[in-house]
Amino acid sequence: MKKVKIILLHGWLFNSLIWTNFRKKLSPEYDIYSPDLPGYGKNPSIHNNIKFLDEYISNINDDCVIVGWSYGGLIAKKCMESNNFIKKIILINSFCLNKTSFISTRSIDLLIKELETDRNKAIKNFIFECCKNSPAPISDMKKINKQMLKTTYPTNEVLINNLEEMKVIASEIDFNNFDYKKICMINGEADQFSKYNDCKFIRNVKIMRKMGHLPFYSSCDDVIESIKSFL
């Protein structure tokens, strides 16, 4: 029997290494792809993220499911508007499909300013915010820092371009152009970046009790079970 192809799409700051646990647990049952977005990890290309993902999927040349975390979910939603190979998307702690729920332009601009002023502090603060509402925040922070020692963070140019792109994509997405039966949202009840309670009109919503913004460590098994259930 042909395996379902799943593309794991990382979010802002972290590259595809973030999916290590998911790849190990999903690969026995699915064909797993986990690309680095342009400027991340081992991808030196300068494509914009939508163009890159569209071409990446076209090269696979087969139907697929995208699992997008955070900013990766935003990219997946935008790409789904025009790429017929994408049959389903699973959004993990991504911005809600509701214009009022996106991270505000002001907060993005503040993060850009902080990156320009003190890059190391901005990165450290973002990682703290990602981990702080986890069931095991100290453990998760240690794990993510250890994992990212194997690679480098993107340049400020890439990170700031991504943040500017967030604002553009959020304004361009056609929220009336989705078959919501093909979308599953998995949100952490304790995630401060996305408002799951604004997404009740979506049929497939899974709320992970006690999960913060990071699904990769202490909440990994529960999220994977939700992915399998939807597929």
C-alpha atoms as a PDB file:
ATOM      1  CA  MET A   1       0.000   0.000   0.000  1.00  0.00           C
ATOM      2  CA  LYS A   2       1.271   3.432  -0.956  1.00  0.00           C
ATOM      3  CA  LYS A   3       2.383   5.544   1.997  1.00  0.00           C
ATOM      4  CA  VAL A   4       0.975   9.031   2.547  1.00  0.00           C
ATOM      5  CA  LYS A   5       3.601  11.687   1.924  1.00  0.00           C
ATOM      6  CA  ILE A   6       3.966  14.171   4.774  1.00  0.00           C
ATOM      7  CA  ILE A   7       5.965  17.392   4.564  1.00  0.00           C
ATOM      8  CA  LEU A   8       7.025  18.722   7.962  1.00  0.00           C
ATOM      9  CA  LEU A   9       7.447  22.479   7.734  1.00  0.00           C
ATOM     10  CA  HIS A  10       9.345  24.248  10.501  1.00  0.00           C
ATOM     11  CA  GLY A  11       8.622  27.735  11.767  1.00  0.00           C
ATOM     12  CA  TRP A  12      10.574  30.928  12.352  1.00  0.00           C
ATOM     13  CA  LEU A  13      14.153  30.756  13.753  1.00  0.00           C
ATOM     14  CA  PHE A  14      14.419  26.933  13.966  1.00  0.00           C
ATOM     15  CA  ASN A  15      15.280  24.690  11.006  1.00  0.00           C
ATOM     16  CA  SER A  16      14.204  21.145  10.103  1.00  0.00           C
ATOM     17  CA  LEU A  17      16.231  19.601  12.952  1.00  0.00           C
ATOM     18  CA  ILE A  18      13.340  20.630  15.161  1.00  0.00           C
ATOM     19  CA  TRP A  19      11.326  17.743  13.640  1.00  0.00           C
ATOM     20  CA  THR A  20      13.801  14.982  14.641  1.00  0.00           C
ATOM     21  CA  ASN A  21      11.436  13.258  17.090  1.00  0.00           C
ATOM     22  CA  PHE A  22       8.499  13.521  14.686  1.00  0.00           C
ATOM     23  CA  ARG A  23      10.487  12.013  11.816  1.00  0.00           C
ATOM     24  CA  LYS A  24      11.522   9.034  13.911  1.00  0.00           C
ATOM     25  CA  LYS A  25       7.999   8.343  15.126  1.00  0.00           C
ATOM     26  CA  LEU A  26       6.160   8.953  11.831  1.00  0.00           C
ATOM     27  CA  SER A  27       8.557   7.422   9.305  1.00  0.00           C
ATOM     28  CA  PRO A  28       7.516   3.780   9.824  1.00  0.00           C
ATOM     29  CA  GLU A  29       4.005   4.590   8.552  1.00  0.00           C
ATOM     30  CA  TYR A  30       4.501   7.594   6.253  1.00  0.00           C
ATOM     31  CA  ASP A  31       6.940   8.988   3.695  1.00  0.00           C
ATOM     32  CA  ILE A  32       8.437  11.932   5.549  1.00  0.00           C
ATOM     33  CA  TYR A  33       9.960  15.057   4.032  1.00  0.00           C
ATOM     34  CA  SER A  34      11.347  17.867   6.188  1.00  0.00           C
ATOM     35  CA  PRO A  35      12.929  20.613   4.114  1.00  0.00           C
ATOM     36  CA  ASP A  36      14.844  23.608   5.386  1.00  0.00           C
ATOM     37  CA  LEU A  37      13.233  26.838   4.283  1.00  0.00           C
ATOM     38  CA  PRO A  38      15.479  29.258   2.345  1.00  0.00           C
ATOM     39  CA  GLY A  39      18.294  30.562   4.529  1.00  0.00           C
ATOM     40  CA  TYR A  40      17.783  27.879   7.188  1.00  0.00           C
ATOM     41  CA  GLY A  41      19.923  24.848   7.960  1.00  0.00           C
ATOM     42  CA  LYS A  42      21.398  23.377   4.787  1.00  0.00           C
ATOM     43  CA  ASN A  43      19.344  25.479   2.381  1.00  0.00           C
ATOM     44  CA  PRO A  44      21.364  28.466   1.091  1.00  0.00           C
ATOM     45  CA  SER A  45      18.797  29.449  -1.540  1.00  0.00           C
ATOM     46  CA  ILE A  46      17.303  32.941  -1.661  1.00  0.00           C
ATOM     47  CA  HIS A  47      13.808  32.022  -2.871  1.00  0.00           C
ATOM     48  CA  ASN A  48      10.870  33.422  -0.972  1.00  0.00           C
ATOM     49  CA  ASN A  49       9.266  30.731   1.147  1.00  0.00           C
ATOM     50  CA  ILE A  50       6.044  30.371  -0.846  1.00  0.00           C
ATOM     51  CA  LYS A  51       7.902  29.909  -4.122  1.00  0.00           C
ATOM     52  CA  PHE A  52      10.317  27.483  -2.509  1.00  0.00           C
ATOM     53  CA  LEU A  53       7.555  25.302  -1.027  1.00  0.00           C
ATOM     54  CA  ASP A  54       5.576  25.328  -4.267  1.00  0.00           C
ATOM     55  CA  GLU A  55       8.614  24.142  -6.242  1.00  0.00           C
ATOM     56  CA  TYR A  56       9.554  21.608  -3.557  1.00  0.00           C
ATOM     57  CA  ILE A  57       6.109  20.019  -3.723  1.00  0.00           C
ATOM     58  CA  SER A  58       6.119  20.089  -7.533  1.00  0.00           C
ATOM     59  CA  ASN A  59       9.415  18.174  -7.513  1.00  0.00           C
ATOM     60  CA  ILE A  60       7.868  15.506  -5.294  1.00  0.00           C
ATOM     61  CA  ASN A  61       5.153  15.400  -7.965  1.00  0.00           C
ATOM     62  CA  ASP A  62       2.597  13.591  -5.841  1.00  0.00           C
ATOM     63  CA  ASP A  63      -0.237  14.287  -3.441  1.00  0.00           C
ATOM     64  CA  CYS A  64       0.918  15.233   0.022  1.00  0.00           C
ATOM     65  CA  VAL A  65      -0.049  16.474   3.461  1.00  0.00           C
ATOM     66  CA  ILE A  66       1.722  19.421   5.067  1.00  0.00           C
ATOM     67  CA  VAL A  67       2.247  19.585   8.802  1.00  0.00           C
ATOM     68  CA  GLY A  68       3.195  23.188   9.503  1.00  0.00           C
ATOM     69  CA  TRP A  69       4.298  24.493  12.861  1.00  0.00           C
ATOM     70  CA  SER A  70       3.785  28.169  13.720  1.00  0.00           C
ATOM     71  CA  TYR A  71       5.089  30.296  10.803  1.00  0.00           C
ATOM     72  CA  GLY A  72       5.372  27.096   8.741  1.00  0.00           C
ATOM     73  CA  GLY A  73       1.607  26.692   9.017  1.00  0.00           C
ATOM     74  CA  LEU A  74       1.092  30.187   7.657  1.00  0.00           C
ATOM     75  CA  ILE A  75       3.240  29.335   4.629  1.00  0.00           C
ATOM     76  CA  ALA A  76       1.345  26.074   4.143  1.00  0.00           C
ATOM     77  CA  LYS A  77      -2.023  27.867   4.190  1.00  0.00           C
ATOM     78  CA  LYS A  78      -0.895  30.351   1.567  1.00  0.00           C
ATOM     79  CA  CYS A  79       0.598  27.655  -0.663  1.00  0.00           C
ATOM     80  CA  MET A  80      -2.548  25.523  -0.420  1.00  0.00           C
ATOM     81  CA  GLU A  81      -4.493  28.219  -2.277  1.00  0.00           C
ATOM     82  CA  SER A  82      -2.715  27.410  -5.548  1.00  0.00           C
ATOM     83  CA  ASN A  83      -0.989  24.000  -5.269  1.00  0.00           C
ATOM     84  CA  ASN A  84      -3.276  21.085  -6.099  1.00  0.00           C
ATOM     85  CA  PHE A  85      -0.845  18.498  -4.765  1.00  0.00           C
ATOM     86  CA  ILE A  86      -1.629  19.624  -1.203  1.00  0.00           C
ATOM     87  CA  LYS A  87      -4.571  17.502  -0.102  1.00  0.00           C
ATOM     88  CA  LYS A  88      -4.587  18.317   3.619  1.00  0.00           C
ATOM     89  CA  ILE A  89      -2.782  20.607   6.009  1.00  0.00           C
ATOM     90  CA  ILE A  90      -2.255  20.142   9.724  1.00  0.00           C
ATOM     91  CA  LEU A  91      -1.458  23.340  11.574  1.00  0.00           C
ATOM     92  CA  ILE A  92       0.350  23.058  14.891  1.00  0.00           C
ATOM     93  CA  ASN A  93       0.182  26.229  16.963  1.00  0.00           C
ATOM     94  CA  SER A  94      -0.081  28.226  13.791  1.00  0.00           C
ATOM     95  CA  PHE A  95      -1.817  31.534  13.447  1.00  0.00           C
ATOM     96  CA  CYS A  96      -5.541  30.999  13.510  1.00  0.00           C
ATOM     97  CA  LEU A  97      -7.606  31.147  10.328  1.00  0.00           C
ATOM     98  CA  ASN A  98      -9.138  34.374  11.485  1.00  0.00           C
ATOM     99  CA  LYS A  99      -7.716  37.801  10.688  1.00  0.00           C
ATOM    100  CA  THR A 100      -8.132  39.010  14.252  1.00  0.00           C
ATOM    101  CA  SER A 101      -5.898  36.249  15.598  1.00  0.00           C
ATOM    102  CA  PHE A 102      -2.621  36.844  13.806  1.00  0.00           C
ATOM    103  CA  ILE A 103       0.366  38.011  15.777  1.00  0.00           C
ATOM    104  CA  SER A 104       0.076  41.769  15.579  1.00  0.00           C
ATOM    105  CA  THR A 105       2.087  43.932  13.218  1.00  0.00           C
ATOM    106  CA  ARG A 106       3.294  45.864  16.252  1.00  0.00           C
ATOM    107  CA  SER A 107       4.719  42.762  17.962  1.00  0.00           C
ATOM    108  CA  ILE A 108       6.492  41.755  14.748  1.00  0.00           C
ATOM    109  CA  ASP A 109       7.975  45.230  14.384  1.00  0.00           C
ATOM    110  CA  LEU A 110       9.185  45.101  17.994  1.00  0.00           C
ATOM    111  CA  LEU A 111      10.900  41.777  17.343  1.00  0.00           C
ATOM    112  CA  ILE A 112      12.574  43.204  14.237  1.00  0.00           C
ATOM    113  CA  LYS A 113      13.840  46.150  16.267  1.00  0.00           C
ATOM    114  CA  GLU A 114      15.167  43.825  18.972  1.00  0.00           C
ATOM    115  CA  LEU A 115      17.002  41.709  16.373  1.00  0.00           C
ATOM    116  CA  GLU A 116      18.629  44.823  14.966  1.00  0.00           C
ATOM    117  CA  THR A 117      19.601  46.073  18.437  1.00  0.00           C
ATOM    118  CA  ASP A 118      20.741  42.844  20.147  1.00  0.00           C
ATOM    119  CA  ARG A 119      20.406  39.687  18.055  1.00  0.00           C
ATOM    120  CA  ASN A 120      21.523  37.257  20.758  1.00  0.00           C
ATOM    121  CA  LYS A 121      19.087  38.685  23.295  1.00  0.00           C
ATOM    122  CA  ALA A 122      16.223  38.570  20.764  1.00  0.00           C
ATOM    123  CA  ILE A 123      16.879  34.901  19.995  1.00  0.00           C
ATOM    124  CA  LYS A 124      17.228  33.986  23.665  1.00  0.00           C
ATOM    125  CA  ASN A 125      13.981  35.773  24.536  1.00  0.00           C
ATOM    126  CA  PHE A 126      12.085  34.077  21.697  1.00  0.00           C
ATOM    127  CA  ILE A 127      13.258  30.628  22.791  1.00  0.00           C
ATOM    128  CA  PHE A 128      12.192  31.412  26.351  1.00  0.00           C
ATOM    129  CA  GLU A 129       8.724  32.475  25.160  1.00  0.00           C
ATOM    130  CA  CYS A 130       8.404  29.257  23.144  1.00  0.00           C
ATOM    131  CA  CYS A 131       9.282  27.086  26.130  1.00  0.00           C
ATOM    132  CA  LYS A 132       7.825  28.878  29.123  1.00  0.00           C
ATOM    133  CA  ASN A 133       4.320  27.355  29.001  1.00  0.00           C
ATOM    134  CA  SER A 134       5.495  23.834  28.257  1.00  0.00           C
ATOM    135  CA  PRO A 135       4.708  21.050  30.739  1.00  0.00           C
ATOM    136  CA  ALA A 136       8.492  20.795  31.213  1.00  0.00           C
ATOM    137  CA  PRO A 137       9.888  24.229  30.303  1.00  0.00           C
ATOM    138  CA  ILE A 138      13.432  23.828  31.635  1.00  0.00           C
ATOM    139  CA  SER A 139      13.823  20.402  30.052  1.00  0.00           C
ATOM    140  CA  ASP A 140      12.437  21.597  26.713  1.00  0.00           C
ATOM    141  CA  MET A 141      14.718  24.641  26.701  1.00  0.00           C
ATOM    142  CA  LYS A 142      17.767  22.459  27.329  1.00  0.00           C
ATOM    143  CA  LYS A 143      16.735  20.068  24.567  1.00  0.00           C
ATOM    144  CA  ILE A 144      16.147  22.755  21.973  1.00  0.00           C
ATOM    145  CA  ASN A 145      19.404  24.539  22.803  1.00  0.00           C
ATOM    146  CA  LYS A 146      21.314  21.256  22.582  1.00  0.00           C
ATOM    147  CA  GLN A 147      19.661  20.414  19.276  1.00  0.00           C
ATOM    148  CA  MET A 148      20.438  23.800  17.761  1.00  0.00           C
ATOM    149  CA  LEU A 149      24.126  23.502  18.729  1.00  0.00           C
ATOM    150  CA  LYS A 150      24.365  21.145  15.745  1.00  0.00           C
ATOM    151  CA  THR A 151      23.524  23.946  13.357  1.00  0.00           C
ATOM    152  CA  THR A 152      23.386  27.743  13.106  1.00  0.00           C
ATOM    153  CA  TYR A 153      20.508  30.174  13.268  1.00  0.00           C
ATOM    154  CA  PRO A 154      19.616  32.100  10.095  1.00  0.00           C
ATOM    155  CA  THR A 155      21.144  35.506   9.483  1.00  0.00           C
ATOM    156  CA  ASN A 156      19.341  38.617  10.629  1.00  0.00           C
ATOM    157  CA  GLU A 157      18.550  39.376   7.008  1.00  0.00           C
ATOM    158  CA  VAL A 158      16.683  36.083   6.634  1.00  0.00           C
ATOM    159  CA  LEU A 159      14.898  36.373   9.979  1.00  0.00           C
ATOM    160  CA  ILE A 160      13.765  39.944   9.343  1.00  0.00           C
ATOM    161  CA  ASN A 161      12.648  39.127   5.797  1.00  0.00           C
ATOM    162  CA  ASN A 162      10.573  36.271   7.236  1.00  0.00           C
ATOM    163  CA  LEU A 163       8.953  38.589   9.764  1.00  0.00           C
ATOM    164  CA  GLU A 164       8.089  41.079   7.041  1.00  0.00           C
ATOM    165  CA  GLU A 165       6.743  38.194   4.953  1.00  0.00           C
ATOM    166  CA  MET A 166       4.464  37.154   7.838  1.00  0.00           C
ATOM    167  CA  LYS A 167       2.687  40.482   7.657  1.00  0.00           C
ATOM    168  CA  VAL A 168       2.265  40.257   3.880  1.00  0.00           C
ATOM    169  CA  ILE A 169       1.033  36.652   3.815  1.00  0.00           C
ATOM    170  CA  ALA A 170      -1.401  37.317   6.649  1.00  0.00           C
ATOM    171  CA  SER A 171      -2.960  40.155   4.656  1.00  0.00           C
ATOM    172  CA  GLU A 172      -3.107  38.171   1.396  1.00  0.00           C
ATOM    173  CA  ILE A 173      -4.626  34.858   2.519  1.00  0.00           C
ATOM    174  CA  ASP A 174      -8.152  34.405   1.240  1.00  0.00           C
ATOM    175  CA  PHE A 175      -9.969  33.016   4.260  1.00  0.00           C
ATOM    176  CA  ASN A 176     -13.020  32.130   2.156  1.00  0.00           C
ATOM    177  CA  ASN A 177     -10.982  29.944  -0.182  1.00  0.00           C
ATOM    178  CA  PHE A 178     -10.501  26.881   2.035  1.00  0.00           C
ATOM    179  CA  ASP A 179     -12.221  23.543   2.353  1.00  0.00           C
ATOM    180  CA  TYR A 180     -12.049  23.384   6.135  1.00  0.00           C
ATOM    181  CA  LYS A 181     -12.635  19.619   6.072  1.00  0.00           C
ATOM    182  CA  LYS A 182      -9.068  19.365   4.735  1.00  0.00           C
ATOM    183  CA  ILE A 183      -7.587  21.377   7.594  1.00  0.00           C
ATOM    184  CA  CYS A 184      -6.787  20.230  11.105  1.00  0.00           C
ATOM    185  CA  MET A 185      -5.609  22.607  13.798  1.00  0.00           C
ATOM    186  CA  ILE A 186      -3.648  21.294  16.761  1.00  0.00           C
ATOM    187  CA  ASN A 187      -3.228  24.013  19.352  1.00  0.00           C
ATOM    188  CA  GLY A 188      -1.707  24.099  22.777  1.00  0.00           C
ATOM    189  CA  GLU A 189      -4.067  25.377  25.411  1.00  0.00           C
ATOM    190  CA  ALA A 190      -1.136  27.259  26.971  1.00  0.00           C
ATOM    191  CA  ASP A 191       0.283  28.640  23.720  1.00  0.00           C
ATOM    192  CA  GLN A 192       0.524  32.417  23.945  1.00  0.00           C
ATOM    193  CA  PHE A 193       1.182  32.912  20.215  1.00  0.00           C
ATOM    194  CA  SER A 194      -2.029  31.454  18.788  1.00  0.00           C
ATOM    195  CA  LYS A 195      -5.615  31.801  20.032  1.00  0.00           C
ATOM    196  CA  TYR A 196      -7.284  28.446  19.644  1.00  0.00           C
ATOM    197  CA  ASN A 197     -10.574  29.763  21.066  1.00  0.00           C
ATOM    198  CA  ASP A 198     -11.010  31.960  17.963  1.00  0.00           C
ATOM    199  CA  CYS A 199     -11.012  28.891  15.713  1.00  0.00           C
ATOM    200  CA  LYS A 200     -14.131  27.077  16.856  1.00  0.00           C
ATOM    201  CA  PHE A 201     -15.687  27.315  13.395  1.00  0.00           C
ATOM    202  CA  ILE A 202     -13.047  24.898  12.054  1.00  0.00           C
ATOM    203  CA  ARG A 203     -14.365  21.355  12.189  1.00  0.00           C
ATOM    204  CA  ASN A 204     -11.098  19.610  13.058  1.00  0.00           C
ATOM    205  CA  VAL A 205      -9.561  21.295  16.085  1.00  0.00           C
ATOM    206  CA  LYS A 206      -7.496  19.413  18.652  1.00  0.00           C
ATOM    207  CA  ILE A 207      -6.677  21.205  21.905  1.00  0.00           C
ATOM    208  CA  MET A 208      -3.603  19.890  23.683  1.00  0.00           C
ATOM    209  CA  ARG A 209      -3.996  20.465  27.407  1.00  0.00           C
ATOM    210  CA  LYS A 210      -0.953  22.089  29.009  1.00  0.00           C
ATOM    211  CA  MET A 211       0.961  22.303  25.711  1.00  0.00           C
ATOM    212  CA  GLY A 212       2.762  25.578  25.041  1.00  0.00           C
ATOM    213  CA  HIS A 213       4.169  26.737  21.703  1.00  0.00           C
ATOM    214  CA  LEU A 214       6.655  23.875  21.270  1.00  0.00           C
ATOM    215  CA  PRO A 215       5.164  20.482  20.324  1.00  0.00           C
ATOM    216  CA  PHE A 216       8.506  18.745  19.763  1.00  0.00           C
ATOM    217  CA  TYR A 217       9.474  17.349  23.147  1.00  0.00           C
ATOM    218  CA  SER A 218       7.196  16.859  26.153  1.00  0.00           C
ATOM    219  CA  SER A 219       4.029  17.019  23.987  1.00  0.00           C
ATOM    220  CA  CYS A 220       5.368  15.087  20.989  1.00  0.00           C
ATOM    221  CA  ASP A 221       3.494  11.785  21.425  1.00  0.00           C
ATOM    222  CA  ASP A 222       0.096  13.425  21.949  1.00  0.00           C
ATOM    223  CA  VAL A 223       0.505  15.611  18.864  1.00  0.00           C
ATOM    224  CA  ILE A 224       1.548  12.652  16.730  1.00  0.00           C
ATOM    225  CA  GLU A 225      -1.526  10.714  17.805  1.00  0.00           C
ATOM    226  CA  SER A 226      -3.693  13.659  16.728  1.00  0.00           C
ATOM    227  CA  ILE A 227      -1.949  13.781  13.350  1.00  0.00           C
ATOM    228  CA  LYS A 228      -2.540  10.074  12.766  1.00  0.00           C
ATOM    229  CA  SER A 229      -6.166  10.388  13.843  1.00  0.00           C
ATOM    230  CA  PHE A 230      -6.841  13.140  11.309  1.00  0.00           C
ATOM    231  CA  LEU A 231      -5.114  11.275   8.472  1.00  0.00           C
END
